[in-house]
Amino acid sequence: MERHRDAGRFCALHADPRSLVELLVSARPDERTLRAAEVEWAAALALTYRDDQVNMTAALPARTLNPSVRLVVRMFHRERGRH
């Protein structure tokens, strides 16, 4: 299992009792996972998988569940990211 280089910072935000950040890790961010993360009420969602398709596939139902959620989507393919 590969460790994300920012994992320590994410965990620190999650561990801080004053932080509003909640961390949910999932192998695949499907609709069930997004609902478990309560994306319907979230102000923002960061999709940081190492696969552009996974990130985009998760962004669409997230936007459907919460049209006003701010999405941060990690993209490796520059041309796809422009669209």
N, C-alpha and C. Protein backbone atom coordinates (compact mmCIF):
# COMPACT_ATOMS: atom_id res chain seq x y z
N MET A 1 0.85 -1.19 0.00
CA MET A 1 0.00 0.00 0.00
C MET A 1 0.89 1.24 0.00
N GLU A 2 0.61 2.14 -0.90
CA GLU A 2 1.39 3.37 -1.01
C GLU A 2 0.83 4.44 -0.09
N ARG A 3 1.70 5.17 0.56
CA ARG A 3 1.28 6.23 1.47
C ARG A 3 1.34 7.57 0.74
N HIS A 4 0.28 8.31 0.78
CA HIS A 4 0.22 9.63 0.16
C HIS A 4 1.18 10.56 0.88
N ARG A 5 1.90 11.39 0.15
CA ARG A 5 2.92 12.24 0.78
C ARG A 5 2.33 13.26 1.75
N ASP A 6 1.05 13.59 1.60
CA ASP A 6 0.40 14.54 2.49
C ASP A 6 -0.43 13.85 3.57
N ALA A 7 -0.32 12.54 3.69
CA ALA A 7 -1.15 11.79 4.64
C ALA A 7 -1.00 12.32 6.06
N GLY A 8 0.20 12.66 6.45
CA GLY A 8 0.42 13.18 7.80
C GLY A 8 -0.34 14.47 8.05
N ARG A 9 -0.35 15.35 7.07
CA ARG A 9 -1.08 16.62 7.22
C ARG A 9 -2.59 16.39 7.26
N PHE A 10 -3.08 15.47 6.43
CA PHE A 10 -4.51 15.15 6.46
C PHE A 10 -4.89 14.59 7.82
N CYS A 11 -4.08 13.67 8.32
CA CYS A 11 -4.37 13.05 9.62
C CYS A 11 -4.32 14.08 10.74
N ALA A 12 -3.39 15.03 10.66
CA ALA A 12 -3.28 16.07 11.68
C ALA A 12 -4.54 16.94 11.70
N LEU A 13 -5.06 17.28 10.52
CA LEU A 13 -6.30 18.06 10.46
C LEU A 13 -7.45 17.28 11.07
N HIS A 14 -7.49 16.00 10.79
CA HIS A 14 -8.57 15.15 11.30
C HIS A 14 -8.45 14.97 12.82
N ALA A 15 -7.24 14.91 13.33
CA ALA A 15 -7.02 14.66 14.76
C ALA A 15 -7.25 15.90 15.63
N ASP A 16 -7.14 17.07 15.05
CA ASP A 16 -7.30 18.31 15.81
C ASP A 16 -8.77 18.46 16.23
N PRO A 17 -9.07 18.49 17.53
CA PRO A 17 -10.47 18.57 17.96
C PRO A 17 -11.17 19.87 17.54
N ARG A 18 -10.41 20.90 17.19
CA ARG A 18 -11.02 22.16 16.74
C ARG A 18 -11.30 22.17 15.24
N SER A 19 -10.76 21.19 14.53
CA SER A 19 -10.90 21.15 13.07
C SER A 19 -12.28 20.67 12.65
N LEU A 20 -12.77 21.26 11.59
CA LEU A 20 -14.04 20.83 11.01
C LEU A 20 -13.82 19.78 9.92
N VAL A 21 -12.55 19.44 9.67
CA VAL A 21 -12.21 18.48 8.63
C VAL A 21 -12.49 17.06 9.10
N GLU A 22 -13.20 16.31 8.25
CA GLU A 22 -13.42 14.90 8.51
C GLU A 22 -12.74 14.12 7.41
N LEU A 23 -12.09 13.06 7.78
CA LEU A 23 -11.33 12.26 6.83
C LEU A 23 -12.01 10.91 6.67
N LEU A 24 -12.32 10.56 5.43
CA LEU A 24 -12.90 9.26 5.12
C LEU A 24 -12.09 8.69 3.97
N VAL A 25 -11.52 7.53 4.16
CA VAL A 25 -10.69 6.89 3.15
C VAL A 25 -11.47 5.71 2.59
N SER A 26 -11.51 5.61 1.28
CA SER A 26 -12.25 4.54 0.62
C SER A 26 -11.48 4.08 -0.61
N ALA A 27 -11.57 2.79 -0.90
CA ALA A 27 -10.92 2.26 -2.10
C ALA A 27 -11.54 2.84 -3.36
N ARG A 28 -12.86 3.02 -3.34
CA ARG A 28 -13.59 3.58 -4.47
C ARG A 28 -14.65 4.55 -3.94
N PRO A 29 -14.64 5.80 -4.36
CA PRO A 29 -15.62 6.78 -3.87
C PRO A 29 -16.94 6.68 -4.63
N ASP A 30 -17.69 5.63 -4.35
CA ASP A 30 -18.99 5.46 -5.01
C ASP A 30 -20.07 6.25 -4.25
N GLU A 31 -21.30 6.18 -4.74
CA GLU A 31 -22.38 6.95 -4.12
C GLU A 31 -22.58 6.56 -2.66
N ARG A 32 -22.48 5.28 -2.35
CA ARG A 32 -22.64 4.82 -0.97
C ARG A 32 -21.59 5.47 -0.05
N THR A 33 -20.37 5.52 -0.52
CA THR A 33 -19.29 6.14 0.26
C THR A 33 -19.52 7.64 0.40
N LEU A 34 -19.95 8.28 -0.67
CA LEU A 34 -20.22 9.73 -0.61
C LEU A 34 -21.35 10.03 0.38
N ARG A 35 -22.36 9.18 0.40
CA ARG A 35 -23.45 9.37 1.37
C ARG A 35 -22.95 9.14 2.80
N ALA A 36 -22.09 8.13 2.99
CA ALA A 36 -21.52 7.87 4.32
C ALA A 36 -20.69 9.06 4.79
N ALA A 37 -20.06 9.74 3.84
CA ALA A 37 -19.27 10.94 4.17
C ALA A 37 -20.14 12.17 4.34
N GLU A 38 -21.45 11.99 4.15
CA GLU A 38 -22.42 13.09 4.26
C GLU A 38 -22.10 14.25 3.34
N VAL A 39 -21.74 13.89 2.10
CA VAL A 39 -21.40 14.92 1.13
C VAL A 39 -22.58 15.85 0.85
N GLU A 40 -23.79 15.39 1.14
CA GLU A 40 -24.96 16.25 0.94
C GLU A 40 -24.86 17.53 1.76
N TRP A 41 -24.14 17.49 2.87
CA TRP A 41 -24.02 18.63 3.79
C TRP A 41 -22.63 19.26 3.78
N ALA A 42 -21.73 18.70 3.00
CA ALA A 42 -20.33 19.16 3.01
C ALA A 42 -20.17 20.50 2.29
N ALA A 43 -19.25 21.29 2.79
CA ALA A 43 -18.89 22.55 2.12
C ALA A 43 -17.92 22.27 0.98
N ALA A 44 -17.06 21.24 1.16
CA ALA A 44 -16.04 20.93 0.16
C ALA A 44 -15.72 19.44 0.19
N LEU A 45 -15.21 18.96 -0.92
CA LEU A 45 -14.80 17.56 -1.05
C LEU A 45 -13.53 17.51 -1.87
N ALA A 46 -12.50 16.84 -1.36
CA ALA A 46 -11.25 16.67 -2.10
C ALA A 46 -11.17 15.23 -2.59
N LEU A 47 -11.04 15.06 -3.88
CA LEU A 47 -10.89 13.75 -4.50
C LEU A 47 -9.44 13.65 -4.98
N THR A 48 -8.65 12.84 -4.30
CA THR A 48 -7.21 12.83 -4.53
C THR A 48 -6.65 11.47 -4.93
N TYR A 49 -7.47 10.65 -5.55
CA TYR A 49 -6.99 9.34 -6.01
C TYR A 49 -5.97 9.54 -7.11
N ARG A 50 -5.13 8.56 -7.34
CA ARG A 50 -4.10 8.64 -8.37
C ARG A 50 -4.63 8.25 -9.74
N ASP A 51 -5.93 8.28 -9.92
CA ASP A 51 -6.58 7.88 -11.16
C ASP A 51 -7.60 8.95 -11.53
N ASP A 52 -7.35 9.65 -12.64
CA ASP A 52 -8.24 10.73 -13.07
C ASP A 52 -9.68 10.25 -13.24
N GLN A 53 -9.84 9.06 -13.81
CA GLN A 53 -11.18 8.54 -14.07
C GLN A 53 -11.94 8.31 -12.76
N VAL A 54 -11.26 7.78 -11.75
CA VAL A 54 -11.89 7.56 -10.45
C VAL A 54 -12.33 8.90 -9.85
N ASN A 55 -11.46 9.88 -9.92
CA ASN A 55 -11.78 11.20 -9.38
C ASN A 55 -12.97 11.84 -10.09
N MET A 56 -12.98 11.77 -11.42
CA MET A 56 -14.09 12.37 -12.17
C MET A 56 -15.38 11.58 -11.98
N THR A 57 -15.27 10.27 -11.90
CA THR A 57 -16.46 9.44 -11.69
C THR A 57 -17.08 9.73 -10.32
N ALA A 58 -16.28 10.06 -9.35
CA ALA A 58 -16.80 10.41 -8.02
C ALA A 58 -17.32 11.84 -7.97
N ALA A 59 -16.74 12.73 -8.75
CA ALA A 59 -17.16 14.13 -8.73
C ALA A 59 -18.60 14.29 -9.23
N LEU A 60 -19.00 13.51 -10.20
CA LEU A 60 -20.34 13.66 -10.78
C LEU A 60 -21.44 13.33 -9.77
N PRO A 61 -21.42 12.17 -9.09
CA PRO A 61 -22.47 11.94 -8.10
C PRO A 61 -22.36 12.89 -6.90
N ALA A 62 -21.14 13.31 -6.57
CA ALA A 62 -20.99 14.27 -5.47
C ALA A 62 -21.73 15.56 -5.80
N ARG A 63 -21.59 16.01 -7.04
CA ARG A 63 -22.27 17.23 -7.48
C ARG A 63 -23.79 17.03 -7.52
N THR A 64 -24.22 15.82 -7.87
CA THR A 64 -25.66 15.52 -7.89
C THR A 64 -26.22 15.54 -6.47
N LEU A 65 -25.48 14.95 -5.52
CA LEU A 65 -25.93 14.90 -4.13
C LEU A 65 -25.91 16.27 -3.47
N ASN A 66 -24.96 17.12 -3.88
CA ASN A 66 -24.82 18.44 -3.29
C ASN A 66 -24.36 19.42 -4.37
N PRO A 67 -25.28 20.07 -5.06
CA PRO A 67 -24.92 20.96 -6.16
C PRO A 67 -24.01 22.12 -5.76
N SER A 68 -23.96 22.47 -4.49
CA SER A 68 -23.14 23.61 -4.08
C SER A 68 -21.80 23.20 -3.46
N VAL A 69 -21.50 21.91 -3.42
CA VAL A 69 -20.24 21.48 -2.81
C VAL A 69 -19.06 21.99 -3.65
N ARG A 70 -18.04 22.48 -2.97
CA ARG A 70 -16.82 22.90 -3.65
C ARG A 70 -15.97 21.66 -3.87
N LEU A 71 -15.63 21.37 -5.12
CA LEU A 71 -14.87 20.17 -5.45
C LEU A 71 -13.42 20.50 -5.74
N VAL A 72 -12.53 19.73 -5.13
CA VAL A 72 -11.11 19.78 -5.44
C VAL A 72 -10.80 18.41 -6.03
N VAL A 73 -10.46 18.38 -7.31
CA VAL A 73 -10.26 17.12 -8.02
C VAL A 73 -8.83 17.06 -8.54
N ARG A 74 -8.10 16.08 -8.07
CA ARG A 74 -6.72 15.89 -8.50
C ARG A 74 -6.74 15.29 -9.91
N MET A 75 -6.00 15.94 -10.83
CA MET A 75 -5.95 15.47 -12.22
C MET A 75 -4.50 15.38 -12.67
N PHE A 76 -4.16 14.28 -13.31
CA PHE A 76 -2.82 14.10 -13.86
C PHE A 76 -2.78 14.43 -15.34
N HIS A 77 -3.85 14.14 -16.06
CA HIS A 77 -3.92 14.37 -17.49
C HIS A 77 -4.35 15.82 -17.71
N ARG A 78 -3.43 16.67 -18.11
CA ARG A 78 -3.69 18.11 -18.21
C ARG A 78 -4.85 18.45 -19.15
N GLU A 79 -4.88 17.82 -20.29
CA GLU A 79 -5.95 18.13 -21.27
C GLU A 79 -7.32 17.77 -20.69
N ARG A 80 -7.43 16.62 -20.06
CA ARG A 80 -8.70 16.22 -19.43
C ARG A 80 -9.06 17.19 -18.31
N GLY A 81 -8.08 17.65 -17.56
CA GLY A 81 -8.33 18.58 -16.48
C GLY A 81 -8.87 19.92 -16.96
N ARG A 82 -8.48 20.34 -18.13
CA ARG A 82 -8.98 21.61 -18.69
C ARG A 82 -10.47 21.55 -18.98
N HIS A 83 -10.96 20.36 -19.28
CA HIS A 83 -12.38 20.21 -19.60
C HIS A 83 -13.18 20.11 -18.35
